[in-house]
């Protein structure tokens, strides 16, 4: 398997196991979010057959798209099915 090129910019991502949505997040710098401090590396560990879905989005769509996925799929490891919209807005307006 070769290297994976991750989008550098505004992204929404989902961690899935089978048909279950485990986590949905948003980032302006995805490669930092997938580091050792993040839920993907701490909670339950990503398994071999798990999937990480990644969508590159425009800055103005970041919060709304993350919200849509969380409300629609109710991921297990999102602390609540609500998020810190102010923090996401600050991140999305940086560029």
C-alpha atoms as a PDB file:
ATOM      1  CA  UNK A   1       0.000   0.000   0.000  1.00  0.00           C
ATOM      2  CA  UNK A   2       1.352   3.403  -0.951  1.00  0.00           C
ATOM      3  CA  UNK A   3       1.197   6.675   0.892  1.00  0.00           C
ATOM      4  CA  UNK A   4      -2.135   8.366   1.422  1.00  0.00           C
ATOM      5  CA  UNK A   5      -2.393  12.032   0.515  1.00  0.00           C
ATOM      6  CA  UNK A   6      -4.695  13.825   2.956  1.00  0.00           C
ATOM      7  CA  UNK A   7      -6.478  17.047   2.032  1.00  0.00           C
ATOM      8  CA  UNK A   8      -4.749  20.116   3.462  1.00  0.00           C
ATOM      9  CA  UNK A   9      -7.579  22.406   4.416  1.00  0.00           C
ATOM     10  CA  UNK A  10     -11.111  22.226   5.702  1.00  0.00           C
ATOM     11  CA  UNK A  11     -12.306  18.658   6.107  1.00  0.00           C
ATOM     12  CA  UNK A  12     -15.085  16.702   7.753  1.00  0.00           C
ATOM     13  CA  UNK A  13     -14.290  13.091   8.568  1.00  0.00           C
ATOM     14  CA  UNK A  14     -16.100  10.045   9.912  1.00  0.00           C
ATOM     15  CA  UNK A  15     -14.801   6.891  11.569  1.00  0.00           C
ATOM     16  CA  UNK A  16     -16.946   3.876  10.729  1.00  0.00           C
ATOM     17  CA  UNK A  17     -16.990   0.224  11.734  1.00  0.00           C
ATOM     18  CA  UNK A  18     -19.224  -1.733   9.403  1.00  0.00           C
ATOM     19  CA  UNK A  19     -22.372   0.370   9.105  1.00  0.00           C
ATOM     20  CA  UNK A  20     -21.915   2.017  12.517  1.00  0.00           C
ATOM     21  CA  UNK A  21     -20.779   5.625  12.679  1.00  0.00           C
ATOM     22  CA  UNK A  22     -18.305   5.867  15.560  1.00  0.00           C
ATOM     23  CA  UNK A  23     -17.103   9.460  15.336  1.00  0.00           C
ATOM     24  CA  UNK A  24     -17.584  12.552  13.192  1.00  0.00           C
ATOM     25  CA  UNK A  25     -15.222  15.489  13.352  1.00  0.00           C
ATOM     26  CA  UNK A  26     -14.134  18.575  11.457  1.00  0.00           C
ATOM     27  CA  UNK A  27     -10.729  20.091  11.028  1.00  0.00           C
ATOM     28  CA  UNK A  28      -8.834  22.802   9.244  1.00  0.00           C
ATOM     29  CA  UNK A  29      -5.672  20.659   9.403  1.00  0.00           C
ATOM     30  CA  UNK A  30      -6.688  17.000   9.257  1.00  0.00           C
ATOM     31  CA  UNK A  31      -3.205  15.512   9.566  1.00  0.00           C
ATOM     32  CA  UNK A  32      -2.919  17.117  13.023  1.00  0.00           C
ATOM     33  CA  UNK A  33      -6.329  15.752  14.109  1.00  0.00           C
ATOM     34  CA  UNK A  34      -5.304  12.177  13.395  1.00  0.00           C
ATOM     35  CA  UNK A  35      -2.378  12.384  15.835  1.00  0.00           C
ATOM     36  CA  UNK A  36      -1.957  10.583  19.164  1.00  0.00           C
ATOM     37  CA  UNK A  37      -4.122  13.043  21.140  1.00  0.00           C
ATOM     38  CA  UNK A  38      -7.216  12.496  19.051  1.00  0.00           C
ATOM     39  CA  UNK A  39     -10.228  10.248  19.635  1.00  0.00           C
ATOM     40  CA  UNK A  40      -9.292   8.076  16.642  1.00  0.00           C
ATOM     41  CA  UNK A  41      -6.106   6.964  18.388  1.00  0.00           C
ATOM     42  CA  UNK A  42      -7.521   6.774  21.917  1.00  0.00           C
ATOM     43  CA  UNK A  43     -11.074   5.411  21.902  1.00  0.00           C
ATOM     44  CA  UNK A  44     -11.313   1.739  21.024  1.00  0.00           C
ATOM     45  CA  UNK A  45      -8.469   1.901  18.517  1.00  0.00           C
ATOM     46  CA  UNK A  46      -9.089   1.888  14.813  1.00  0.00           C
ATOM     47  CA  UNK A  47      -9.343  -1.700  13.601  1.00  0.00           C
ATOM     48  CA  UNK A  48      -8.104  -3.165  10.354  1.00  0.00           C
ATOM     49  CA  UNK A  49     -11.504  -3.161   8.643  1.00  0.00           C
ATOM     50  CA  UNK A  50     -12.649   0.232   9.987  1.00  0.00           C
ATOM     51  CA  UNK A  51     -13.090   3.034   7.506  1.00  0.00           C
ATOM     52  CA  UNK A  52     -12.218   6.710   7.743  1.00  0.00           C
ATOM     53  CA  UNK A  53     -14.301   8.775   5.328  1.00  0.00           C
ATOM     54  CA  UNK A  54     -12.977  12.232   4.481  1.00  0.00           C
ATOM     55  CA  UNK A  55     -14.750  15.108   2.746  1.00  0.00           C
ATOM     56  CA  UNK A  56     -12.918  18.252   1.656  1.00  0.00           C
ATOM     57  CA  UNK A  57     -15.311  21.162   2.216  1.00  0.00           C
ATOM     58  CA  UNK A  58     -15.371  24.911   1.845  1.00  0.00           C
ATOM     59  CA  UNK A  59     -14.705  26.861   5.049  1.00  0.00           C
ATOM     60  CA  UNK A  60     -18.288  28.175   5.174  1.00  0.00           C
ATOM     61  CA  UNK A  61     -19.677  24.590   4.983  1.00  0.00           C
ATOM     62  CA  UNK A  62     -17.491  23.040   7.710  1.00  0.00           C
ATOM     63  CA  UNK A  63     -19.773  23.413  10.727  1.00  0.00           C
ATOM     64  CA  UNK A  64     -23.025  22.747   8.882  1.00  0.00           C
ATOM     65  CA  UNK A  65     -21.794  19.550   7.235  1.00  0.00           C
ATOM     66  CA  UNK A  66     -20.348  18.181  10.486  1.00  0.00           C
ATOM     67  CA  UNK A  67     -23.623  19.006  12.243  1.00  0.00           C
ATOM     68  CA  UNK A  68     -25.641  17.275   9.532  1.00  0.00           C
ATOM     69  CA  UNK A  69     -23.621  14.054   9.833  1.00  0.00           C
ATOM     70  CA  UNK A  70     -23.747  14.041  13.644  1.00  0.00           C
ATOM     71  CA  UNK A  71     -27.504  14.631  13.743  1.00  0.00           C
ATOM     72  CA  UNK A  72     -28.197  12.073  11.031  1.00  0.00           C
ATOM     73  CA  UNK A  73     -25.926   9.251  12.247  1.00  0.00           C
ATOM     74  CA  UNK A  74     -25.532   9.847  16.038  1.00  0.00           C
ATOM     75  CA  UNK A  75     -21.915   8.608  16.252  1.00  0.00           C
ATOM     76  CA  UNK A  76     -21.064   6.566  19.345  1.00  0.00           C
ATOM     77  CA  UNK A  77     -17.926   8.450  20.422  1.00  0.00           C
ATOM     78  CA  UNK A  78     -18.962  12.030  19.917  1.00  0.00           C
ATOM     79  CA  UNK A  79     -19.254  13.213  23.541  1.00  0.00           C
ATOM     80  CA  UNK A  80     -22.695  14.533  22.857  1.00  0.00           C
ATOM     81  CA  UNK A  81     -24.548  14.821  19.638  1.00  0.00           C
ATOM     82  CA  UNK A  82     -23.772  18.472  19.842  1.00  0.00           C
ATOM     83  CA  UNK A  83     -20.413  20.135  19.247  1.00  0.00           C
ATOM     84  CA  UNK A  84     -18.578  23.320  20.072  1.00  0.00           C
ATOM     85  CA  UNK A  85     -19.788  25.401  17.143  1.00  0.00           C
ATOM     86  CA  UNK A  86     -17.934  28.496  18.295  1.00  0.00           C
ATOM     87  CA  UNK A  87     -14.578  26.683  18.258  1.00  0.00           C
ATOM     88  CA  UNK A  88     -15.303  25.225  14.824  1.00  0.00           C
ATOM     89  CA  UNK A  89     -16.359  28.634  13.551  1.00  0.00           C
ATOM     90  CA  UNK A  90     -13.092  30.144  14.788  1.00  0.00           C
ATOM     91  CA  UNK A  91     -11.116  27.372  13.050  1.00  0.00           C
ATOM     92  CA  UNK A  92     -13.074  27.633   9.804  1.00  0.00           C
ATOM     93  CA  UNK A  93     -12.696  31.408   9.573  1.00  0.00           C
ATOM     94  CA  UNK A  94      -8.881  31.219   9.743  1.00  0.00           C
ATOM     95  CA  UNK A  95      -8.612  30.530   6.067  1.00  0.00           C
END
